[in-house]
Amino acid sequence: MAEEKTGRDGGVQSLQRAFELLEHLADTGGEASLSELATLSGLPMPTIHRLIRTLVALGYVRQNTNRRYALGARLIRLGENASMQFGAWAKPLLAELVEEVGETANLAVLERDEVVYVAQVPSKHSMRMFTEVGRRLLPHGTGVGKAMLAHLPDADVEALLGRTGMPAYTEHTFTDEAALKVELKKIAKQGYALDEAEQELGVRCVAVNVPGAPAPAAVSVSGPSGRLTMEAVSRIAPVVQRVAATLGAHLEGP
């Protein structure tokens, strides 16, 4: 049996290339042809064909009826488990955030066009916000979602909104793409997003994108609007930014 070639970093070359192809498929936001994957990866067509055939057989890639390729259903379980493990790992940092600001802290990731809450540490207040871990929402209607969208390329945001639409959760939800884009530019400039009763009436949320995360992620603090006033936001936002930066630094490693 032929020995596997090793890459420059000592890894197995075919394995490295297979994962790179999965990343390229994810970057397309939908599906791609073999020739498009060859252009994106720079690999010769016979290599692309061999790797894709193996990934299809394993269920990590599927071939659509139009003979184009997309990420396979077998990746869903891996992604969901990885997200939950990420949440469990980040929970001590969220607990520190709650201790410092006194309101509920959340961690969410962007998965298949939806915001998924992967961890939460509740406030000690009797009146506090609960968002179930595992809950899925569209990003345009959440603070964490807007924080993540503000750091994506415009073309990616437009493609996502084209797939999901912009339904309203409350009367305050952004439902106009042009208005949302103005808001996203503001978020990118100030370094945090606000959810002003856009997901749930009577609730305000401060959210910050996690820098350096391998997939879009955001940390947030949420509470009743009467307690989480704009004055409180000015005090809390820098703390959420610090925790998000710490989390991002941990993800990047030494």
C-alpha atoms as a PDB file:
ATOM      1  CA  MET A   1       0.000   0.000   0.000  1.00  0.00           C
ATOM      2  CA  ALA A   2       1.353   3.427  -0.943  1.00  0.00           C
ATOM      3  CA  GLU A   3       2.466   5.649   1.904  1.00  0.00           C
ATOM      4  CA  GLU A   4       0.525   8.903   2.396  1.00  0.00           C
ATOM      5  CA  LYS A   5       2.417  12.055   1.442  1.00  0.00           C
ATOM      6  CA  THR A   6       3.061  14.529   4.206  1.00  0.00           C
ATOM      7  CA  GLY A   7       2.588  18.270   3.937  1.00  0.00           C
ATOM      8  CA  ARG A   8       5.145  20.917   4.789  1.00  0.00           C
ATOM      9  CA  ASP A   9       3.863  21.011   8.381  1.00  0.00           C
ATOM     10  CA  GLY A  10       4.204  17.248   8.772  1.00  0.00           C
ATOM     11  CA  GLY A  11       0.459  16.572   8.389  1.00  0.00           C
ATOM     12  CA  VAL A  12      -1.141  14.114   5.990  1.00  0.00           C
ATOM     13  CA  GLN A  13      -1.474  15.997   2.717  1.00  0.00           C
ATOM     14  CA  SER A  14      -4.666  14.351   1.446  1.00  0.00           C
ATOM     15  CA  LEU A  15      -6.391  14.961   4.791  1.00  0.00           C
ATOM     16  CA  GLN A  16      -5.315  18.603   4.766  1.00  0.00           C
ATOM     17  CA  ARG A  17      -6.604  19.030   1.219  1.00  0.00           C
ATOM     18  CA  ALA A  18      -9.940  17.381   2.065  1.00  0.00           C
ATOM     19  CA  PHE A  19     -10.535  19.804   4.919  1.00  0.00           C
ATOM     20  CA  GLU A  20      -9.540  22.723   2.704  1.00  0.00           C
ATOM     21  CA  LEU A  21     -12.153  21.614   0.163  1.00  0.00           C
ATOM     22  CA  LEU A  22     -14.802  21.544   2.903  1.00  0.00           C
ATOM     23  CA  GLU A  23     -13.772  25.089   3.870  1.00  0.00           C
ATOM     24  CA  HIS A  24     -14.038  26.206   0.235  1.00  0.00           C
ATOM     25  CA  LEU A  25     -17.530  24.693  -0.012  1.00  0.00           C
ATOM     26  CA  ALA A  26     -18.510  26.553   3.169  1.00  0.00           C
ATOM     27  CA  ASP A  27     -17.102  29.795   1.746  1.00  0.00           C
ATOM     28  CA  THR A  28     -19.290  29.506  -1.363  1.00  0.00           C
ATOM     29  CA  GLY A  29     -22.357  29.748   0.898  1.00  0.00           C
ATOM     30  CA  GLY A  30     -24.158  27.011  -0.993  1.00  0.00           C
ATOM     31  CA  GLU A  31     -22.746  24.806  -3.690  1.00  0.00           C
ATOM     32  CA  ALA A  32     -19.918  24.636  -6.202  1.00  0.00           C
ATOM     33  CA  SER A  33     -18.848  22.676  -9.259  1.00  0.00           C
ATOM     34  CA  LEU A  34     -15.640  20.666  -9.506  1.00  0.00           C
ATOM     35  CA  SER A  35     -14.109  23.316 -11.772  1.00  0.00           C
ATOM     36  CA  GLU A  36     -14.987  26.076  -9.277  1.00  0.00           C
ATOM     37  CA  LEU A  37     -13.387  24.067  -6.470  1.00  0.00           C
ATOM     38  CA  ALA A  38     -10.294  23.552  -8.631  1.00  0.00           C
ATOM     39  CA  THR A  39     -10.055  27.318  -9.163  1.00  0.00           C
ATOM     40  CA  LEU A  40     -10.553  28.070  -5.446  1.00  0.00           C
ATOM     41  CA  SER A  41      -8.093  25.460  -4.228  1.00  0.00           C
ATOM     42  CA  GLY A  42      -5.496  25.508  -6.997  1.00  0.00           C
ATOM     43  CA  LEU A  43      -5.511  21.705  -7.028  1.00  0.00           C
ATOM     44  CA  PRO A  44      -5.539  19.631 -10.245  1.00  0.00           C
ATOM     45  CA  MET A  45      -8.915  18.278 -11.349  1.00  0.00           C
ATOM     46  CA  PRO A  46      -8.033  14.575 -10.810  1.00  0.00           C
ATOM     47  CA  THR A  47      -7.115  15.338  -7.184  1.00  0.00           C
ATOM     48  CA  ILE A  48     -10.324  17.311  -6.645  1.00  0.00           C
ATOM     49  CA  HIS A  49     -12.392  14.486  -8.142  1.00  0.00           C
ATOM     50  CA  ARG A  50     -10.729  11.834  -5.962  1.00  0.00           C
ATOM     51  CA  LEU A  51     -11.157  13.836  -2.740  1.00  0.00           C
ATOM     52  CA  ILE A  52     -14.758  14.820  -3.473  1.00  0.00           C
ATOM     53  CA  ARG A  53     -15.676  11.221  -4.333  1.00  0.00           C
ATOM     54  CA  THR A  54     -14.342  10.110  -0.935  1.00  0.00           C
ATOM     55  CA  LEU A  55     -16.136  12.923   0.933  1.00  0.00           C
ATOM     56  CA  VAL A  56     -19.415  12.095  -0.834  1.00  0.00           C
ATOM     57  CA  ALA A  57     -19.058   8.407   0.063  1.00  0.00           C
ATOM     58  CA  LEU A  58     -18.558   9.375   3.726  1.00  0.00           C
ATOM     59  CA  GLY A  59     -21.531  11.758   3.748  1.00  0.00           C
ATOM     60  CA  TYR A  60     -19.525  14.933   4.389  1.00  0.00           C
ATOM     61  CA  VAL A  61     -20.340  16.252   0.909  1.00  0.00           C
ATOM     62  CA  ARG A  62     -23.444  15.676  -1.210  1.00  0.00           C
ATOM     63  CA  GLN A  63     -23.914  15.863  -4.959  1.00  0.00           C
ATOM     64  CA  ASN A  64     -27.040  17.766  -5.956  1.00  0.00           C
ATOM     65  CA  THR A  65     -29.251  16.894  -8.908  1.00  0.00           C
ATOM     66  CA  ASN A  66     -27.544  19.644 -10.941  1.00  0.00           C
ATOM     67  CA  ARG A  67     -24.226  17.776 -10.412  1.00  0.00           C
ATOM     68  CA  ARG A  68     -22.875  20.555  -8.186  1.00  0.00           C
ATOM     69  CA  TYR A  69     -21.559  19.821  -4.698  1.00  0.00           C
ATOM     70  CA  ALA A  70     -22.564  21.060  -1.235  1.00  0.00           C
ATOM     71  CA  LEU A  71     -21.729  20.293   2.393  1.00  0.00           C
ATOM     72  CA  GLY A  72     -23.280  17.011   3.529  1.00  0.00           C
ATOM     73  CA  ALA A  73     -25.677  16.252   6.361  1.00  0.00           C
ATOM     74  CA  ARG A  74     -23.067  14.294   8.309  1.00  0.00           C
ATOM     75  CA  LEU A  75     -21.335  17.575   9.151  1.00  0.00           C
ATOM     76  CA  ILE A  76     -24.414  18.816  11.030  1.00  0.00           C
ATOM     77  CA  ARG A  77     -23.832  16.575  14.041  1.00  0.00           C
ATOM     78  CA  LEU A  78     -20.147  17.506  14.163  1.00  0.00           C
ATOM     79  CA  GLY A  79     -20.945  21.221  13.949  1.00  0.00           C
ATOM     80  CA  GLU A  80     -23.640  21.121  16.597  1.00  0.00           C
ATOM     81  CA  ASN A  81     -21.442  19.171  19.008  1.00  0.00           C
ATOM     82  CA  ALA A  82     -18.501  21.493  18.390  1.00  0.00           C
ATOM     83  CA  SER A  83     -20.730  24.518  19.066  1.00  0.00           C
ATOM     84  CA  MET A  84     -21.943  23.098  22.369  1.00  0.00           C
ATOM     85  CA  GLN A  85     -18.384  22.218  23.426  1.00  0.00           C
ATOM     86  CA  PHE A  86     -17.364  25.779  22.565  1.00  0.00           C
ATOM     87  CA  GLY A  87     -20.178  27.010  24.811  1.00  0.00           C
ATOM     88  CA  ALA A  88     -19.130  24.775  27.704  1.00  0.00           C
ATOM     89  CA  TRP A  89     -15.521  25.924  27.384  1.00  0.00           C
ATOM     90  CA  ALA A  90     -16.533  29.612  27.355  1.00  0.00           C
ATOM     91  CA  LYS A  91     -18.933  29.398  30.309  1.00  0.00           C
ATOM     92  CA  PRO A  92     -16.404  30.436  33.011  1.00  0.00           C
ATOM     93  CA  LEU A  93     -15.753  33.675  31.087  1.00  0.00           C
ATOM     94  CA  LEU A  94     -19.501  34.287  30.837  1.00  0.00           C
ATOM     95  CA  ALA A  95     -19.785  33.722  34.600  1.00  0.00           C
ATOM     96  CA  GLU A  96     -17.119  36.379  35.169  1.00  0.00           C
ATOM     97  CA  LEU A  97     -19.050  38.724  32.904  1.00  0.00           C
ATOM     98  CA  VAL A  98     -22.265  38.194  34.892  1.00  0.00           C
ATOM     99  CA  GLU A  99     -20.396  38.760  38.157  1.00  0.00           C
ATOM    100  CA  GLU A 100     -19.051  42.077  36.877  1.00  0.00           C
ATOM    101  CA  VAL A 101     -22.134  43.546  35.152  1.00  0.00           C
ATOM    102  CA  GLY A 102     -24.973  41.822  37.008  1.00  0.00           C
ATOM    103  CA  GLU A 103     -26.961  40.839  33.910  1.00  0.00           C
ATOM    104  CA  THR A 104     -27.409  37.618  31.916  1.00  0.00           C
ATOM    105  CA  ALA A 105     -24.533  36.739  29.571  1.00  0.00           C
ATOM    106  CA  ASN A 106     -24.850  34.737  26.345  1.00  0.00           C
ATOM    107  CA  LEU A 107     -22.609  33.202  23.711  1.00  0.00           C
ATOM    108  CA  ALA A 108     -23.936  32.586  20.198  1.00  0.00           C
ATOM    109  CA  VAL A 109     -22.532  31.363  16.896  1.00  0.00           C
ATOM    110  CA  LEU A 110     -23.677  31.727  13.295  1.00  0.00           C
ATOM    111  CA  GLU A 111     -24.637  28.334  11.923  1.00  0.00           C
ATOM    112  CA  ARG A 112     -26.403  27.654   8.605  1.00  0.00           C
ATOM    113  CA  ASP A 113     -27.692  31.257   8.317  1.00  0.00           C
ATOM    114  CA  GLU A 114     -29.050  31.230  11.877  1.00  0.00           C
ATOM    115  CA  VAL A 115     -27.856  32.497  15.237  1.00  0.00           C
ATOM    116  CA  VAL A 116     -27.559  29.591  17.674  1.00  0.00           C
ATOM    117  CA  TYR A 117     -27.204  30.249  21.398  1.00  0.00           C
ATOM    118  CA  VAL A 118     -24.586  27.814  22.703  1.00  0.00           C
ATOM    119  CA  ALA A 119     -24.106  29.027  26.291  1.00  0.00           C
ATOM    120  CA  GLN A 120     -25.755  31.226  28.893  1.00  0.00           C
ATOM    121  CA  VAL A 121     -25.076  32.251  32.474  1.00  0.00           C
ATOM    122  CA  PRO A 122     -28.148  33.863  34.087  1.00  0.00           C
ATOM    123  CA  SER A 123     -28.228  37.011  36.174  1.00  0.00           C
ATOM    124  CA  LYS A 124     -28.856  36.725  39.902  1.00  0.00           C
ATOM    125  CA  HIS A 125     -31.758  39.180  39.627  1.00  0.00           C
ATOM    126  CA  SER A 126     -35.223  37.703  40.113  1.00  0.00           C
ATOM    127  CA  MET A 127     -36.281  39.447  36.886  1.00  0.00           C
ATOM    128  CA  ARG A 128     -33.800  38.268  34.282  1.00  0.00           C
ATOM    129  CA  MET A 129     -33.597  37.232  30.644  1.00  0.00           C
ATOM    130  CA  PHE A 130     -33.583  33.597  29.557  1.00  0.00           C
ATOM    131  CA  THR A 131     -32.714  32.460  26.046  1.00  0.00           C
ATOM    132  CA  GLU A 132     -32.682  28.686  25.798  1.00  0.00           C
ATOM    133  CA  VAL A 133     -29.335  27.156  24.827  1.00  0.00           C
ATOM    134  CA  GLY A 134     -29.837  25.676  21.374  1.00  0.00           C
ATOM    135  CA  ARG A 135     -32.410  28.295  20.340  1.00  0.00           C
ATOM    136  CA  ARG A 136     -32.112  29.423  16.715  1.00  0.00           C
ATOM    137  CA  LEU A 137     -33.004  32.889  15.437  1.00  0.00           C
ATOM    138  CA  LEU A 138     -32.327  34.872  12.291  1.00  0.00           C
ATOM    139  CA  PRO A 139     -29.338  37.201  12.721  1.00  0.00           C
ATOM    140  CA  HIS A 140     -30.942  40.450  11.553  1.00  0.00           C
ATOM    141  CA  GLY A 141     -33.297  40.397  14.565  1.00  0.00           C
ATOM    142  CA  THR A 142     -30.765  39.853  17.357  1.00  0.00           C
ATOM    143  CA  GLY A 143     -27.935  41.817  18.944  1.00  0.00           C
ATOM    144  CA  VAL A 144     -25.495  38.909  18.611  1.00  0.00           C
ATOM    145  CA  GLY A 145     -26.542  38.386  15.002  1.00  0.00           C
ATOM    146  CA  LYS A 146     -26.019  42.034  14.078  1.00  0.00           C
ATOM    147  CA  ALA A 147     -22.632  42.029  15.842  1.00  0.00           C
ATOM    148  CA  MET A 148     -21.556  39.092  13.660  1.00  0.00           C
ATOM    149  CA  LEU A 149     -23.042  40.457  10.426  1.00  0.00           C
ATOM    150  CA  ALA A 150     -21.185  43.753  10.966  1.00  0.00           C
ATOM    151  CA  HIS A 151     -17.903  41.860  10.572  1.00  0.00           C
ATOM    152  CA  LEU A 152     -18.846  39.872   7.452  1.00  0.00           C
ATOM    153  CA  PRO A 153     -18.206  41.065   3.874  1.00  0.00           C
ATOM    154  CA  ASP A 154     -21.143  42.974   2.364  1.00  0.00           C
ATOM    155  CA  ALA A 155     -21.630  40.297  -0.307  1.00  0.00           C
ATOM    156  CA  ASP A 156     -21.961  37.586   2.361  1.00  0.00           C
ATOM    157  CA  VAL A 157     -24.519  39.651   4.294  1.00  0.00           C
ATOM    158  CA  GLU A 158     -26.546  40.284   1.141  1.00  0.00           C
ATOM    159  CA  ALA A 159     -26.489  36.587   0.204  1.00  0.00           C
ATOM    160  CA  LEU A 160     -27.565  35.553   3.710  1.00  0.00           C
ATOM    161  CA  LEU A 161     -30.448  38.037   3.815  1.00  0.00           C
ATOM    162  CA  GLY A 162     -31.487  36.878   0.363  1.00  0.00           C
ATOM    163  CA  ARG A 163     -31.786  33.331   1.687  1.00  0.00           C
ATOM    164  CA  THR A 164     -33.490  34.141   5.004  1.00  0.00           C
ATOM    165  CA  GLY A 165     -35.538  37.258   4.338  1.00  0.00           C
ATOM    166  CA  MET A 166     -36.059  39.771   7.158  1.00  0.00           C
ATOM    167  CA  PRO A 167     -39.214  38.836   9.084  1.00  0.00           C
ATOM    168  CA  ALA A 168     -40.089  40.899  12.165  1.00  0.00           C
ATOM    169  CA  TYR A 169     -39.850  39.452  15.689  1.00  0.00           C
ATOM    170  CA  THR A 170     -41.267  42.691  17.125  1.00  0.00           C
ATOM    171  CA  GLU A 171     -42.293  46.087  15.747  1.00  0.00           C
ATOM    172  CA  HIS A 172     -38.688  47.233  16.315  1.00  0.00           C
ATOM    173  CA  THR A 173     -36.960  44.526  14.218  1.00  0.00           C
ATOM    174  CA  PHE A 174     -35.048  45.735  11.155  1.00  0.00           C
ATOM    175  CA  THR A 175     -37.017  44.634   8.095  1.00  0.00           C
ATOM    176  CA  ASP A 176     -35.372  46.889   5.499  1.00  0.00           C
ATOM    177  CA  GLU A 177     -32.006  45.785   4.126  1.00  0.00           C
ATOM    178  CA  ALA A 178     -30.741  49.315   3.439  1.00  0.00           C
ATOM    179  CA  ALA A 179     -31.529  50.436   6.994  1.00  0.00           C
ATOM    180  CA  LEU A 180     -29.850  47.333   8.409  1.00  0.00           C
ATOM    181  CA  LYS A 181     -26.699  48.006   6.382  1.00  0.00           C
ATOM    182  CA  VAL A 182     -26.495  51.508   7.866  1.00  0.00           C
ATOM    183  CA  GLU A 183     -26.865  49.967  11.317  1.00  0.00           C
ATOM    184  CA  LEU A 184     -24.140  47.393  10.614  1.00  0.00           C
ATOM    185  CA  LYS A 185     -21.679  50.127   9.620  1.00  0.00           C
ATOM    186  CA  LYS A 186     -22.467  51.929  12.880  1.00  0.00           C
ATOM    187  CA  ILE A 187     -21.892  48.692  14.836  1.00  0.00           C
ATOM    188  CA  ALA A 188     -18.549  48.050  13.126  1.00  0.00           C
ATOM    189  CA  LYS A 189     -17.431  51.603  13.981  1.00  0.00           C
ATOM    190  CA  GLN A 190     -18.517  51.642  17.638  1.00  0.00           C
ATOM    191  CA  GLY A 191     -17.467  48.048  18.360  1.00  0.00           C
ATOM    192  CA  TYR A 192     -20.735  46.698  19.736  1.00  0.00           C
ATOM    193  CA  ALA A 193     -24.341  46.095  18.701  1.00  0.00           C
ATOM    194  CA  LEU A 194     -27.539  46.977  20.519  1.00  0.00           C
ATOM    195  CA  ASP A 195     -30.761  45.027  20.378  1.00  0.00           C
ATOM    196  CA  GLU A 196     -33.427  47.599  21.211  1.00  0.00           C
ATOM    197  CA  ALA A 197     -36.425  45.320  21.854  1.00  0.00           C
ATOM    198  CA  GLU A 198     -35.904  43.913  18.354  1.00  0.00           C
ATOM    199  CA  GLN A 199     -36.112  40.272  19.407  1.00  0.00           C
ATOM    200  CA  GLU A 200     -38.299  40.620  22.498  1.00  0.00           C
ATOM    201  CA  LEU A 201     -40.257  43.607  23.788  1.00  0.00           C
ATOM    202  CA  GLY A 202     -38.920  45.177  26.975  1.00  0.00           C
ATOM    203  CA  VAL A 203     -35.442  43.699  26.521  1.00  0.00           C
ATOM    204  CA  ARG A 204     -32.175  45.454  25.652  1.00  0.00           C
ATOM    205  CA  CYS A 205     -29.008  43.606  24.681  1.00  0.00           C
ATOM    206  CA  VAL A 206     -25.361  44.623  24.214  1.00  0.00           C
ATOM    207  CA  ALA A 207     -23.435  42.283  21.893  1.00  0.00           C
ATOM    208  CA  VAL A 208     -19.837  42.113  20.694  1.00  0.00           C
ATOM    209  CA  ASN A 209     -18.300  40.021  17.911  1.00  0.00           C
ATOM    210  CA  VAL A 210     -15.618  37.538  19.038  1.00  0.00           C
ATOM    211  CA  PRO A 211     -12.433  38.453  17.131  1.00  0.00           C
ATOM    212  CA  GLY A 212     -10.330  35.615  15.758  1.00  0.00           C
ATOM    213  CA  ALA A 213     -13.062  32.977  16.077  1.00  0.00           C
ATOM    214  CA  PRO A 214     -12.878  30.267  13.363  1.00  0.00           C
ATOM    215  CA  ALA A 215     -16.595  30.863  12.691  1.00  0.00           C
ATOM    216  CA  PRO A 216     -18.704  33.963  13.455  1.00  0.00           C
ATOM    217  CA  ALA A 217     -19.475  34.192  17.188  1.00  0.00           C
ATOM    218  CA  ALA A 218     -20.614  36.890  19.594  1.00  0.00           C
ATOM    219  CA  VAL A 219     -20.921  37.519  23.334  1.00  0.00           C
ATOM    220  CA  SER A 220     -23.852  39.474  24.726  1.00  0.00           C
ATOM    221  CA  VAL A 221     -25.372  40.833  27.913  1.00  0.00           C
ATOM    222  CA  SER A 222     -29.155  41.161  28.083  1.00  0.00           C
ATOM    223  CA  GLY A 223     -31.651  42.484  30.597  1.00  0.00           C
ATOM    224  CA  PRO A 224     -34.879  44.436  31.055  1.00  0.00           C
ATOM    225  CA  SER A 225     -34.727  47.800  29.279  1.00  0.00           C
ATOM    226  CA  GLY A 226     -35.659  49.577  32.515  1.00  0.00           C
ATOM    227  CA  ARG A 227     -32.565  48.232  34.242  1.00  0.00           C
ATOM    228  CA  LEU A 228     -30.235  47.983  31.251  1.00  0.00           C
ATOM    229  CA  THR A 229     -30.497  51.711  30.503  1.00  0.00           C
ATOM    230  CA  MET A 230     -28.362  53.554  27.951  1.00  0.00           C
ATOM    231  CA  GLU A 231     -26.289  54.829  30.872  1.00  0.00           C
ATOM    232  CA  ALA A 232     -25.721  51.210  31.920  1.00  0.00           C
ATOM    233  CA  VAL A 233     -24.852  50.313  28.314  1.00  0.00           C
ATOM    234  CA  SER A 234     -22.001  52.841  28.302  1.00  0.00           C
ATOM    235  CA  ARG A 235     -20.588  51.078  31.372  1.00  0.00           C
ATOM    236  CA  ILE A 236     -21.267  47.503  30.253  1.00  0.00           C
ATOM    237  CA  ALA A 237     -20.179  47.661  26.586  1.00  0.00           C
ATOM    238  CA  PRO A 238     -16.416  47.958  27.352  1.00  0.00           C
ATOM    239  CA  VAL A 239     -16.670  44.950  29.701  1.00  0.00           C
ATOM    240  CA  VAL A 240     -18.376  42.833  27.022  1.00  0.00           C
ATOM    241  CA  GLN A 241     -15.701  43.952  24.534  1.00  0.00           C
ATOM    242  CA  ARG A 242     -12.960  42.874  26.938  1.00  0.00           C
ATOM    243  CA  VAL A 243     -14.522  39.437  27.496  1.00  0.00           C
ATOM    244  CA  ALA A 244     -15.019  38.923  23.740  1.00  0.00           C
ATOM    245  CA  ALA A 245     -11.377  39.855  23.126  1.00  0.00           C
ATOM    246  CA  THR A 246     -10.221  37.447  25.851  1.00  0.00           C
ATOM    247  CA  LEU A 247     -12.303  34.662  24.336  1.00  0.00           C
ATOM    248  CA  GLY A 248     -10.913  35.409  20.884  1.00  0.00           C
ATOM    249  CA  ALA A 249      -7.337  35.395  22.203  1.00  0.00           C
ATOM    250  CA  HIS A 250      -7.910  31.976  23.787  1.00  0.00           C
ATOM    251  CA  LEU A 251      -9.258  30.641  20.500  1.00  0.00           C
ATOM    252  CA  GLU A 252      -6.208  31.859  18.606  1.00  0.00           C
ATOM    253  CA  GLY A 253      -3.948  30.052  21.067  1.00  0.00           C
ATOM    254  CA  PRO A 254      -0.333  30.879  21.967  1.00  0.00           C
END
